């Protein structure tokens, strides 16, 4: 089957990627891993905070401006940023 006129056989055999494209994938992967680790760290900190605050009596939660039903929303919203 003939090749399209704009494609040469040598270009198909060896077409090196530009350096920026060659290294963009590992850099993106590392960046994604770092972002995921930061997200896990924030979620873990929020879970620890929730575990401590849920032990408080309703009166103390009310003094802090929340209710037991809304406690999880306040904690995890604060952790999300």
Protein backbone atom coordinates (compact mmCIF):
# COMPACT_ATOMS: atom_id res chain seq x y z
CA UNK A 1 0.00 0.00 0.00
CA UNK A 2 1.55 3.34 -0.99
CA UNK A 3 2.20 5.95 1.67
CA UNK A 4 0.48 9.27 1.68
CA UNK A 5 2.61 11.79 -0.23
CA UNK A 6 3.27 13.88 2.90
CA UNK A 7 4.66 10.88 4.86
CA UNK A 8 8.08 9.49 4.08
CA UNK A 9 9.29 5.98 4.96
CA UNK A 10 12.26 7.33 6.94
CA UNK A 11 9.96 9.47 9.06
CA UNK A 12 7.88 6.40 9.91
CA UNK A 13 10.96 4.38 10.83
CA UNK A 14 12.44 6.94 13.20
CA UNK A 15 10.60 9.98 14.45
CA UNK A 16 12.25 11.17 17.67
CA UNK A 17 10.06 13.07 20.09
CA UNK A 18 11.03 16.61 20.98
CA UNK A 19 12.76 16.77 24.36
CA UNK A 20 9.85 18.64 25.94
CA UNK A 21 7.35 15.92 24.98
CA UNK A 22 9.76 13.18 25.99
CA UNK A 23 9.99 14.45 29.58
CA UNK A 24 6.48 15.82 30.02
CA UNK A 25 4.93 12.46 30.86
CA UNK A 26 7.22 11.56 33.81
CA UNK A 27 6.95 15.11 35.12
CA UNK A 28 3.16 14.99 34.93
CA UNK A 29 3.15 11.61 36.63
CA UNK A 30 5.31 12.90 39.48
CA UNK A 31 3.15 15.99 39.79
CA UNK A 32 0.02 13.86 39.95
CA UNK A 33 1.54 11.64 42.63
CA UNK A 34 2.52 14.67 44.71
CA UNK A 35 -0.99 16.15 44.37
CA UNK A 36 -2.55 12.83 45.34
CA UNK A 37 -0.29 12.55 48.40
CA UNK A 38 -1.21 16.09 49.46
CA UNK A 39 -4.90 15.27 49.07
CA UNK A 40 -4.52 12.09 51.16
CA UNK A 41 -2.63 14.01 53.82
CA UNK A 42 -5.38 16.66 54.02
CA UNK A 43 -8.13 14.03 54.15
CA UNK A 44 -6.32 12.16 56.92
CA UNK A 45 -5.89 15.37 58.93
CA UNK A 46 -9.60 16.13 58.49
CA UNK A 47 -10.51 12.63 59.65
CA UNK A 48 -8.37 13.06 62.78
CA UNK A 49 -9.97 16.44 63.48
CA UNK A 50 -13.44 14.96 63.04
CA UNK A 51 -12.63 12.10 65.42
CA UNK A 52 -11.61 14.61 68.08
CA UNK A 53 -14.53 17.01 67.57
CA UNK A 54 -17.21 14.34 67.51
CA UNK A 55 -16.37 13.50 71.13
CA UNK A 56 -17.41 16.99 72.25
CA UNK A 57 -20.83 17.48 73.89
CA UNK A 58 -23.60 19.19 71.92
CA UNK A 59 -23.31 22.33 74.07
CA UNK A 60 -19.63 22.77 73.14
CA UNK A 61 -20.37 22.17 69.45
CA UNK A 62 -23.14 24.79 69.60
CA UNK A 63 -20.72 27.23 71.25
CA UNK A 64 -18.34 26.64 68.32
CA UNK A 65 -21.13 27.40 65.85
CA UNK A 66 -22.02 23.95 64.55
CA UNK A 67 -24.29 21.02 65.28
CA UNK A 68 -23.54 17.34 65.43
CA UNK A 69 -25.38 16.85 62.11
CA UNK A 70 -23.26 19.47 60.33
CA UNK A 71 -19.94 18.64 61.96
CA UNK A 72 -18.68 16.43 59.14
CA UNK A 73 -19.50 19.07 56.51
CA UNK A 74 -17.65 21.80 58.39
CA UNK A 75 -14.57 19.68 59.02
CA UNK A 76 -14.18 18.32 55.51
CA UNK A 77 -15.05 21.64 53.84
CA UNK A 78 -12.31 23.28 55.89
CA UNK A 79 -9.84 20.55 54.90
CA UNK A 80 -10.75 20.86 51.21
CA UNK A 81 -9.60 24.45 51.17
